[in-house]
Amino acid sequence: MATAKKPKHSDEHRAAITGSETHLHEMNDRYQQIATAAYYKAEARGFSAGDELSDWLAAEAEIEGMADVGPLKSRPSQSVHPDIRLVSA
């Protein structure tokens, strides 16, 4: 009885798969951060219809701006949630 052999993947191939999975997790995390920030922007304006895209784009710019600061530099004092204040280190 012949047994099926699993394909052998190179270390390079495994690294590419792991890197892709990491990238997908990072993209999902970023999407969730933007969605949360956009929600709080919509909440702050009373959820009135018609500004959803503006909320999303502003939230995206805010999250991107925070990412550009880097972990060792001071963060902006604004938060994605109006009741949470970030403290500079």
N, C-alpha and C. Protein backbone atom coordinates (compact mmCIF):
# COMPACT_ATOMS: atom_id res chain seq x y z
N MET A 1 0.84 -1.17 0.00
CA MET A 1 0.00 0.00 0.00
C MET A 1 0.89 1.23 0.00
N ALA A 2 0.67 2.11 -0.96
CA ALA A 2 1.48 3.31 -1.08
C ALA A 2 0.88 4.42 -0.22
N THR A 3 1.74 5.16 0.43
CA THR A 3 1.27 6.28 1.23
C THR A 3 1.61 7.56 0.50
N ALA A 4 0.73 8.52 0.62
CA ALA A 4 0.97 9.81 -0.03
C ALA A 4 2.02 10.57 0.76
N LYS A 5 2.94 11.13 0.03
CA LYS A 5 3.98 11.94 0.67
C LYS A 5 3.55 13.40 0.68
N LYS A 6 3.81 14.04 1.79
CA LYS A 6 3.54 15.46 1.87
C LYS A 6 4.63 16.18 1.08
N PRO A 7 4.24 17.24 0.38
CA PRO A 7 5.26 17.98 -0.36
C PRO A 7 6.24 18.62 0.62
N LYS A 8 7.47 18.62 0.26
CA LYS A 8 8.49 19.24 1.10
C LYS A 8 8.64 20.69 0.67
N HIS A 9 8.60 21.56 1.66
CA HIS A 9 8.74 22.98 1.38
C HIS A 9 10.11 23.45 1.88
N SER A 10 10.68 24.35 1.13
CA SER A 10 11.96 24.89 1.53
C SER A 10 11.78 25.84 2.71
N ASP A 11 12.86 26.14 3.39
CA ASP A 11 12.81 27.10 4.49
C ASP A 11 12.34 28.45 3.97
N GLU A 12 12.76 28.78 2.76
CA GLU A 12 12.38 30.06 2.16
C GLU A 12 10.86 30.11 1.96
N HIS A 13 10.29 29.00 1.50
CA HIS A 13 8.84 28.93 1.29
C HIS A 13 8.11 29.06 2.62
N ARG A 14 8.58 28.36 3.65
CA ARG A 14 7.95 28.46 4.98
C ARG A 14 8.02 29.88 5.51
N ALA A 15 9.14 30.55 5.31
CA ALA A 15 9.30 31.93 5.77
C ALA A 15 8.32 32.85 5.05
N ALA A 16 8.11 32.61 3.76
CA ALA A 16 7.17 33.42 2.99
C ALA A 16 5.76 33.23 3.51
N ILE A 17 5.38 32.00 3.83
CA ILE A 17 4.04 31.72 4.36
C ILE A 17 3.88 32.41 5.71
N THR A 18 4.85 32.26 6.58
CA THR A 18 4.79 32.88 7.90
C THR A 18 4.72 34.40 7.77
N GLY A 19 5.51 34.96 6.87
CA GLY A 19 5.50 36.40 6.65
C GLY A 19 4.15 36.87 6.14
N SER A 20 3.52 36.10 5.27
CA SER A 20 2.20 36.45 4.75
C SER A 20 1.15 36.43 5.85
N GLU A 21 1.22 35.43 6.71
CA GLU A 21 0.28 35.34 7.83
C GLU A 21 0.46 36.52 8.77
N THR A 22 1.69 36.88 9.05
CA THR A 22 1.97 38.03 9.92
C THR A 22 1.41 39.29 9.30
N HIS A 23 1.62 39.45 8.00
CA HIS A 23 1.13 40.63 7.30
C HIS A 23 -0.40 40.71 7.37
N LEU A 24 -1.07 39.58 7.20
CA LEU A 24 -2.53 39.56 7.28
C LEU A 24 -3.02 39.96 8.67
N HIS A 25 -2.33 39.49 9.71
CA HIS A 25 -2.70 39.87 11.08
C HIS A 25 -2.50 41.36 11.29
N GLU A 26 -1.40 41.90 10.77
CA GLU A 26 -1.14 43.33 10.91
C GLU A 26 -2.19 44.15 10.18
N MET A 27 -2.58 43.70 8.99
CA MET A 27 -3.61 44.41 8.24
C MET A 27 -4.95 44.36 8.97
N ASN A 28 -5.27 43.21 9.55
CA ASN A 28 -6.52 43.09 10.30
C ASN A 28 -6.49 44.00 11.53
N ASP A 29 -5.38 44.04 12.23
CA ASP A 29 -5.25 44.91 13.40
C ASP A 29 -5.43 46.38 12.99
N ARG A 30 -4.80 46.77 11.89
CA ARG A 30 -4.90 48.14 11.40
C ARG A 30 -6.35 48.46 11.04
N TYR A 31 -7.02 47.55 10.34
CA TYR A 31 -8.42 47.75 9.96
C TYR A 31 -9.28 47.94 11.20
N GLN A 32 -9.06 47.11 12.22
CA GLN A 32 -9.84 47.22 13.46
C GLN A 32 -9.59 48.55 14.15
N GLN A 33 -8.35 49.03 14.16
CA GLN A 33 -8.03 50.32 14.77
C GLN A 33 -8.74 51.45 14.03
N ILE A 34 -8.72 51.40 12.71
CA ILE A 34 -9.37 52.43 11.91
C ILE A 34 -10.88 52.39 12.13
N ALA A 35 -11.46 51.19 12.13
CA ALA A 35 -12.90 51.04 12.33
C ALA A 35 -13.32 51.61 13.69
N THR A 36 -12.54 51.34 14.72
CA THR A 36 -12.84 51.85 16.05
C THR A 36 -12.77 53.37 16.09
N ALA A 37 -11.70 53.92 15.51
CA ALA A 37 -11.55 55.38 15.48
C ALA A 37 -12.68 56.02 14.68
N ALA A 38 -13.06 55.43 13.56
CA ALA A 38 -14.15 55.98 12.73
C ALA A 38 -15.47 55.93 13.50
N TYR A 39 -15.69 54.86 14.24
CA TYR A 39 -16.90 54.76 15.05
C TYR A 39 -16.99 55.91 16.05
N TYR A 40 -15.89 56.17 16.76
CA TYR A 40 -15.91 57.24 17.75
C TYR A 40 -16.05 58.61 17.11
N LYS A 41 -15.54 58.78 15.91
CA LYS A 41 -15.73 60.04 15.19
C LYS A 41 -17.21 60.20 14.81
N ALA A 42 -17.83 59.12 14.34
CA ALA A 42 -19.26 59.16 14.01
C ALA A 42 -20.09 59.41 15.27
N GLU A 43 -19.72 58.77 16.36
CA GLU A 43 -20.43 58.98 17.62
C GLU A 43 -20.35 60.43 18.06
N ALA A 44 -19.17 61.03 17.92
CA ALA A 44 -18.96 62.41 18.34
C ALA A 44 -19.83 63.39 17.55
N ARG A 45 -20.17 63.04 16.32
CA ARG A 45 -21.03 63.92 15.52
C ARG A 45 -22.48 63.46 15.52
N GLY A 46 -22.83 62.54 16.43
CA GLY A 46 -24.20 62.11 16.59
C GLY A 46 -24.69 61.12 15.56
N PHE A 47 -23.78 60.43 14.91
CA PHE A 47 -24.11 59.41 13.91
C PHE A 47 -24.97 59.95 12.76
N SER A 48 -24.86 61.25 12.48
CA SER A 48 -25.64 61.79 11.36
C SER A 48 -25.13 61.19 10.05
N ALA A 49 -26.07 60.90 9.17
CA ALA A 49 -25.73 60.22 7.91
C ALA A 49 -25.00 61.17 6.96
N GLY A 50 -24.17 60.57 6.12
CA GLY A 50 -23.53 61.32 5.05
C GLY A 50 -22.05 61.61 5.24
N ASP A 51 -21.51 61.42 6.44
CA ASP A 51 -20.10 61.73 6.68
C ASP A 51 -19.28 60.49 7.00
N GLU A 52 -19.79 59.32 6.67
CA GLU A 52 -19.11 58.08 7.01
C GLU A 52 -17.72 58.00 6.36
N LEU A 53 -17.63 58.38 5.10
CA LEU A 53 -16.35 58.32 4.41
C LEU A 53 -15.35 59.29 5.03
N SER A 54 -15.82 60.48 5.38
CA SER A 54 -14.94 61.45 6.04
C SER A 54 -14.45 60.91 7.38
N ASP A 55 -15.35 60.25 8.12
CA ASP A 55 -14.95 59.65 9.39
C ASP A 55 -13.85 58.61 9.17
N TRP A 56 -14.07 57.75 8.18
CA TRP A 56 -13.11 56.68 7.89
C TRP A 56 -11.75 57.27 7.47
N LEU A 57 -11.77 58.23 6.57
CA LEU A 57 -10.52 58.81 6.07
C LEU A 57 -9.77 59.55 7.18
N ALA A 58 -10.50 60.26 8.02
CA ALA A 58 -9.86 60.95 9.14
C ALA A 58 -9.27 59.95 10.13
N ALA A 59 -10.01 58.87 10.39
CA ALA A 59 -9.51 57.83 11.30
C ALA A 59 -8.28 57.16 10.71
N GLU A 60 -8.33 56.89 9.41
CA GLU A 60 -7.18 56.26 8.75
C GLU A 60 -5.95 57.14 8.84
N ALA A 61 -6.12 58.45 8.61
CA ALA A 61 -4.99 59.38 8.70
C ALA A 61 -4.45 59.43 10.13
N GLU A 62 -5.36 59.39 11.11
CA GLU A 62 -4.94 59.41 12.51
C GLU A 62 -4.12 58.17 12.86
N ILE A 63 -4.62 57.01 12.45
CA ILE A 63 -3.92 55.75 12.75
C ILE A 63 -2.59 55.71 12.01
N GLU A 64 -2.57 56.12 10.75
CA GLU A 64 -1.33 56.15 9.99
C GLU A 64 -0.33 57.10 10.63
N GLY A 65 -0.82 58.24 11.10
CA GLY A 65 0.06 59.21 11.76
C GLY A 65 0.67 58.65 13.03
N MET A 66 -0.12 57.86 13.76
CA MET A 66 0.41 57.23 14.97
C MET A 66 1.47 56.20 14.61
N ALA A 67 1.27 55.49 13.52
CA ALA A 67 2.24 54.47 13.10
C ALA A 67 3.54 55.12 12.66
N ASP A 68 3.46 56.31 12.06
CA ASP A 68 4.65 57.00 11.58
C ASP A 68 5.50 57.54 12.72
N VAL A 69 4.90 57.73 13.90
CA VAL A 69 5.63 58.27 15.04
C VAL A 69 6.66 57.27 15.54
N GLY A 70 6.27 56.01 15.59
CA GLY A 70 7.19 54.98 16.06
C GLY A 70 7.09 54.78 17.56
N PRO A 71 7.52 53.62 18.05
CA PRO A 71 7.34 53.29 19.46
C PRO A 71 8.24 54.06 20.41
N LEU A 72 9.37 54.58 19.94
CA LEU A 72 10.31 55.23 20.84
C LEU A 72 10.13 56.75 20.89
N LYS A 73 9.32 57.27 20.00
CA LYS A 73 9.08 58.71 19.97
C LYS A 73 7.77 59.00 20.68
N SER A 74 7.55 60.24 21.04
CA SER A 74 6.31 60.57 21.75
C SER A 74 5.12 60.46 20.80
N ARG A 75 4.04 60.01 21.34
CA ARG A 75 2.80 59.87 20.58
C ARG A 75 1.99 61.17 20.68
N PRO A 76 1.08 61.39 19.73
CA PRO A 76 0.21 62.56 19.86
C PRO A 76 -0.67 62.44 21.09
N SER A 77 -1.10 63.56 21.63
CA SER A 77 -1.91 63.53 22.83
C SER A 77 -3.36 63.16 22.54
N GLN A 78 -3.73 63.04 21.26
CA GLN A 78 -5.09 62.66 20.90
C GLN A 78 -5.23 61.15 20.90
N SER A 79 -6.40 60.70 21.22
CA SER A 79 -6.71 59.28 21.23
C SER A 79 -7.83 59.01 20.24
N VAL A 80 -8.00 57.75 19.85
CA VAL A 80 -9.11 57.40 18.98
C VAL A 80 -10.43 57.48 19.73
N HIS A 81 -10.38 57.49 21.03
CA HIS A 81 -11.59 57.61 21.85
C HIS A 81 -11.50 58.92 22.62
N PRO A 82 -12.56 59.76 22.56
CA PRO A 82 -12.49 61.07 23.19
C PRO A 82 -12.33 61.04 24.71
N ASP A 83 -12.70 59.93 25.35
CA ASP A 83 -12.58 59.85 26.81
C ASP A 83 -11.24 59.31 27.28
N ILE A 84 -10.39 58.93 26.35
CA ILE A 84 -9.08 58.37 26.70
C ILE A 84 -8.01 59.36 26.26
N ARG A 85 -7.15 59.74 27.17
CA ARG A 85 -6.07 60.66 26.85
C ARG A 85 -4.75 59.90 26.91
N LEU A 86 -3.95 60.05 25.87
CA LEU A 86 -2.64 59.41 25.85
C LEU A 86 -1.65 60.33 26.53
N VAL A 87 -0.76 59.76 27.31
CA VAL A 87 0.24 60.52 28.02
C VAL A 87 1.58 60.31 27.35
N SER A 88 2.27 61.39 27.02
CA SER A 88 3.59 61.28 26.41
C SER A 88 4.57 60.74 27.42
N ALA A 89 5.46 59.87 26.94
CA ALA A 89 6.45 59.26 27.83
C ALA A 89 7.58 60.19 28.11
